[in-house]
Amino acid sequence: MSEAEFADLELLLFPWVRREYRRRRRDRAIIELAGCYITLGSGRAIARDISQDLRRFRNRPTPETGKRLLLASVLELNGGRPLRETVIREVLAGKNRQQAATNSAMIRA
C-alpha cells in the first residue's frame, strides 16, 4: 500500500492497525539507517550509535537528505521519542516486539 493510499484510509482504520503500520515503517527506516553505520561491525555497536544519534538529533530542524533525514523519519514515526538501544537491536535482529514479549513471558513461567 502506498503512502497516498494509506493516508486516505488512515482515518477509517482501527488505531492498532495504524500503530502497526507506523511501527513497520519505523523498523524499515531503522534498517535502512543501519547501512550508514556499517563500518562499526557489531550489531550492538550499531544500535548504540543509532540510539545516541537519535537522542542528539531530537531537537534539530529537519534536514534535506542523507543520514539526518533517516534519523528524522525514525523520530517522526516514533512520535518524536528516541528509541532505546535494546529496541533498535531487536529491529536489526528481525525480532517482532510482540513476539519478544511473548517469549520473555514464557521464559518467566
Protein backbone atom coordinates (compact mmCIF):
# COMPACT_ATOMS: atom_id res chain seq x y z
CA MET A 1 0.00 0.00 0.00
CA SER A 2 1.44 3.37 -0.97
CA GLU A 3 1.67 6.39 1.34
CA ALA A 4 -1.11 8.22 -0.51
CA GLU A 5 -3.46 5.24 -0.34
CA PHE A 6 -2.76 4.77 3.36
CA ALA A 7 -3.31 8.48 4.10
CA ASP A 8 -6.76 8.24 2.50
CA LEU A 9 -7.69 5.14 4.51
CA GLU A 10 -5.96 6.04 7.77
CA LEU A 11 -8.98 7.62 9.43
CA LEU A 12 -11.10 4.55 8.69
CA LEU A 13 -8.68 2.07 10.25
CA PHE A 14 -8.58 0.87 13.82
CA PRO A 15 -5.92 2.56 16.00
CA TRP A 16 -3.98 -0.69 16.41
CA VAL A 17 -3.72 -1.04 12.61
CA ARG A 18 -2.34 2.50 12.30
CA ARG A 19 0.18 1.82 15.10
CA GLU A 20 1.33 -1.41 13.48
CA TYR A 21 1.74 0.28 10.10
CA ARG A 22 3.79 3.12 11.65
CA ARG A 23 5.91 0.59 13.58
CA ARG A 24 6.69 -1.36 10.40
CA ARG A 25 7.63 1.84 8.57
CA ARG A 26 9.82 2.84 11.54
CA ASP A 27 11.52 -0.55 11.54
CA ARG A 28 12.25 -0.32 7.81
CA ALA A 29 13.74 3.15 8.35
CA ILE A 30 15.96 1.82 11.18
CA ILE A 31 17.23 -1.00 8.97
CA GLU A 32 17.96 1.48 6.19
CA LEU A 33 19.68 3.78 8.69
CA ALA A 34 21.89 0.93 9.90
CA GLY A 35 23.53 0.96 6.46
CA CYS A 36 25.09 4.31 7.38
CA TYR A 37 26.79 2.71 10.39
CA ILE A 38 28.02 -0.49 8.75
CA THR A 39 31.71 0.26 9.44
CA LEU A 40 31.15 -0.25 13.19
CA GLY A 41 30.95 -4.02 12.84
CA SER A 42 28.78 -5.48 15.60
CA GLY A 43 25.03 -5.07 15.88
CA ARG A 44 25.36 -3.78 19.44
CA ALA A 45 27.73 -1.01 18.33
CA ILE A 46 25.41 -0.03 15.50
CA ALA A 47 22.36 0.01 17.81
CA ARG A 48 24.23 2.05 20.45
CA ASP A 49 25.34 4.67 17.91
CA ILE A 50 21.89 4.92 16.30
CA SER A 51 20.31 5.39 19.73
CA GLN A 52 22.84 8.08 20.68
CA ASP A 53 22.35 9.89 17.37
CA LEU A 54 18.56 9.80 17.79
CA ARG A 55 18.87 11.40 21.23
CA ARG A 56 21.26 14.07 19.90
CA PHE A 57 19.20 14.76 16.80
CA ARG A 58 15.81 15.03 18.51
CA ASN A 59 15.56 18.83 18.72
CA ARG A 60 17.23 19.79 15.44
CA PRO A 61 15.42 21.08 12.34
CA THR A 62 14.51 18.58 9.62
CA PRO A 63 17.40 18.12 7.16
CA GLU A 64 17.32 17.76 3.41
CA THR A 65 18.98 14.39 2.70
CA GLY A 66 21.12 11.55 3.93
CA LYS A 67 21.54 10.06 7.37
CA ARG A 68 19.87 13.01 9.11
CA LEU A 69 16.74 12.58 7.02
CA LEU A 70 16.55 8.93 8.08
CA LEU A 71 17.05 9.94 11.72
CA ALA A 72 14.23 12.47 11.37
CA SER A 73 11.89 9.89 9.83
CA VAL A 74 12.58 7.38 12.63
CA LEU A 75 11.86 10.05 15.23
CA GLU A 76 8.69 11.14 13.45
CA LEU A 77 7.41 7.58 13.16
CA ASN A 78 8.10 7.03 16.86
CA GLY A 79 6.21 10.12 17.97
CA GLY A 80 9.32 12.28 18.45
CA ARG A 81 10.79 9.95 21.07
CA PRO A 82 14.25 8.44 20.60
CA LEU A 83 14.43 4.66 20.74
CA ARG A 84 16.36 2.64 23.31
CA GLU A 85 19.33 0.61 22.17
CA THR A 86 17.55 -2.66 23.00
CA VAL A 87 14.62 -1.82 20.72
CA ILE A 88 16.98 -0.97 17.86
CA ARG A 89 18.89 -4.23 18.41
CA GLU A 90 15.61 -6.19 18.23
CA VAL A 91 14.67 -4.45 14.99
CA LEU A 92 18.07 -5.13 13.45
CA ALA A 93 17.86 -8.77 14.55
CA GLY A 94 14.43 -9.08 12.93
CA LYS A 95 12.52 -9.68 16.14
CA ASN A 96 8.90 -8.67 16.45
CA ARG A 97 8.26 -6.70 19.66
CA GLN A 98 5.09 -8.65 20.46
CA GLN A 99 6.87 -11.92 19.76
CA ALA A 100 9.76 -10.91 22.05
CA ALA A 101 7.31 -10.04 24.86
CA THR A 102 5.58 -13.39 24.48
CA ASN A 103 8.89 -15.25 24.54
CA SER A 104 10.08 -13.47 27.69
CA ALA A 105 6.73 -14.18 29.40
CA MET A 106 7.10 -17.85 28.52
CA ILE A 107 10.61 -17.95 29.95
CA ARG A 108 9.41 -16.44 33.26
CA ALA A 109 6.63 -19.03 33.61
